[in-house]
Amino acid sequence: MMGDSMMGGMMWLMAIFWLLIAAVLVLAIAALVKYLFKK
């Protein structure tokens, strides 16, 4: 039981971690596109 909950926790942490990275990437790309089109 304990090992199961630990794996679930790790999966949640990884999912949140990847979501944060994806959000940062999307924001960076959006900023880059705005910057390029502003010129």
N, C-alpha and C. Protein backbone atom coordinates (compact mmCIF):
# COMPACT_ATOMS: atom_id res chain seq x y z
N MET A 1 0.83 -1.20 0.00
CA MET A 1 0.00 0.00 0.00
C MET A 1 0.87 1.26 0.00
N MET A 2 1.86 1.27 0.89
CA MET A 2 2.72 2.45 1.03
C MET A 2 3.46 2.73 -0.28
N GLY A 3 4.02 1.68 -0.89
CA GLY A 3 4.75 1.87 -2.14
C GLY A 3 3.84 2.42 -3.22
N ASP A 4 2.60 1.96 -3.23
CA ASP A 4 1.63 2.41 -4.22
C ASP A 4 1.39 3.92 -4.11
N SER A 5 1.17 4.39 -2.89
CA SER A 5 0.89 5.82 -2.69
C SER A 5 2.12 6.65 -3.04
N MET A 6 3.30 6.12 -2.77
CA MET A 6 4.53 6.84 -3.11
C MET A 6 4.64 7.02 -4.63
N MET A 7 4.36 5.95 -5.36
CA MET A 7 4.41 6.02 -6.82
C MET A 7 3.39 7.04 -7.33
N GLY A 8 2.20 7.05 -6.75
CA GLY A 8 1.18 8.01 -7.16
C GLY A 8 1.65 9.43 -6.91
N GLY A 9 2.28 9.66 -5.76
CA GLY A 9 2.79 10.99 -5.42
C GLY A 9 3.86 11.42 -6.39
N MET A 10 4.76 10.50 -6.73
CA MET A 10 5.82 10.82 -7.68
C MET A 10 5.23 11.16 -9.05
N MET A 11 4.23 10.39 -9.46
CA MET A 11 3.58 10.65 -10.75
C MET A 11 2.95 12.04 -10.77
N TRP A 12 2.30 12.40 -9.65
CA TRP A 12 1.66 13.72 -9.57
C TRP A 12 2.71 14.82 -9.65
N LEU A 13 3.84 14.61 -8.92
CA LEU A 13 4.91 15.61 -8.92
C LEU A 13 5.47 15.77 -10.33
N MET A 14 5.69 14.66 -11.01
CA MET A 14 6.22 14.70 -12.38
C MET A 14 5.24 15.41 -13.32
N ALA A 15 3.95 15.09 -13.16
CA ALA A 15 2.93 15.71 -14.01
C ALA A 15 2.90 17.22 -13.82
N ILE A 16 2.93 17.66 -12.55
CA ILE A 16 2.92 19.10 -12.25
C ILE A 16 4.18 19.75 -12.80
N PHE A 17 5.33 19.06 -12.62
CA PHE A 17 6.62 19.55 -13.10
C PHE A 17 6.58 19.77 -14.61
N TRP A 18 6.08 18.76 -15.35
CA TRP A 18 6.02 18.87 -16.80
C TRP A 18 5.03 19.92 -17.26
N LEU A 19 3.92 20.07 -16.50
CA LEU A 19 2.92 21.10 -16.85
C LEU A 19 3.55 22.48 -16.71
N LEU A 20 4.35 22.67 -15.65
CA LEU A 20 5.01 23.96 -15.43
C LEU A 20 5.98 24.25 -16.56
N ILE A 21 6.76 23.23 -16.95
CA ILE A 21 7.73 23.40 -18.04
C ILE A 21 6.99 23.75 -19.34
N ALA A 22 5.89 23.05 -19.60
CA ALA A 22 5.11 23.31 -20.82
C ALA A 22 4.56 24.73 -20.81
N ALA A 23 4.06 25.18 -19.65
CA ALA A 23 3.50 26.53 -19.54
C ALA A 23 4.58 27.57 -19.80
N VAL A 24 5.77 27.35 -19.22
CA VAL A 24 6.88 28.30 -19.41
C VAL A 24 7.28 28.33 -20.88
N LEU A 25 7.34 27.16 -21.51
CA LEU A 25 7.70 27.10 -22.93
C LEU A 25 6.69 27.85 -23.79
N VAL A 26 5.41 27.64 -23.51
CA VAL A 26 4.35 28.32 -24.28
C VAL A 26 4.46 29.83 -24.11
N LEU A 27 4.69 30.28 -22.88
CA LEU A 27 4.82 31.72 -22.62
C LEU A 27 6.04 32.29 -23.34
N ALA A 28 7.14 31.54 -23.31
CA ALA A 28 8.37 32.00 -23.97
C ALA A 28 8.15 32.10 -25.48
N ILE A 29 7.49 31.10 -26.05
CA ILE A 29 7.23 31.12 -27.50
C ILE A 29 6.30 32.27 -27.86
N ALA A 30 5.28 32.50 -27.03
CA ALA A 30 4.34 33.60 -27.28
C ALA A 30 5.07 34.94 -27.23
N ALA A 31 5.95 35.10 -26.25
CA ALA A 31 6.71 36.35 -26.11
C ALA A 31 7.62 36.53 -27.32
N LEU A 32 8.24 35.44 -27.77
CA LEU A 32 9.14 35.49 -28.91
C LEU A 32 8.38 35.89 -30.17
N VAL A 33 7.20 35.29 -30.37
CA VAL A 33 6.38 35.60 -31.54
C VAL A 33 5.96 37.07 -31.52
N LYS A 34 5.52 37.55 -30.36
CA LYS A 34 5.13 38.96 -30.23
C LYS A 34 6.31 39.87 -30.56
N TYR A 35 7.49 39.52 -30.03
CA TYR A 35 8.70 40.31 -30.25
C TYR A 35 9.06 40.34 -31.74
N LEU A 36 8.98 39.17 -32.39
CA LEU A 36 9.33 39.09 -33.81
C LEU A 36 8.35 39.87 -34.67
N PHE A 37 7.05 39.79 -34.36
CA PHE A 37 6.05 40.48 -35.17
C PHE A 37 6.03 41.98 -34.90
N LYS A 38 6.58 42.40 -33.77
CA LYS A 38 6.60 43.83 -33.43
C LYS A 38 7.59 44.57 -34.33
N LYS A 39 8.62 43.88 -34.79
CA LYS A 39 9.66 44.53 -35.59
C LYS A 39 9.11 44.99 -36.93
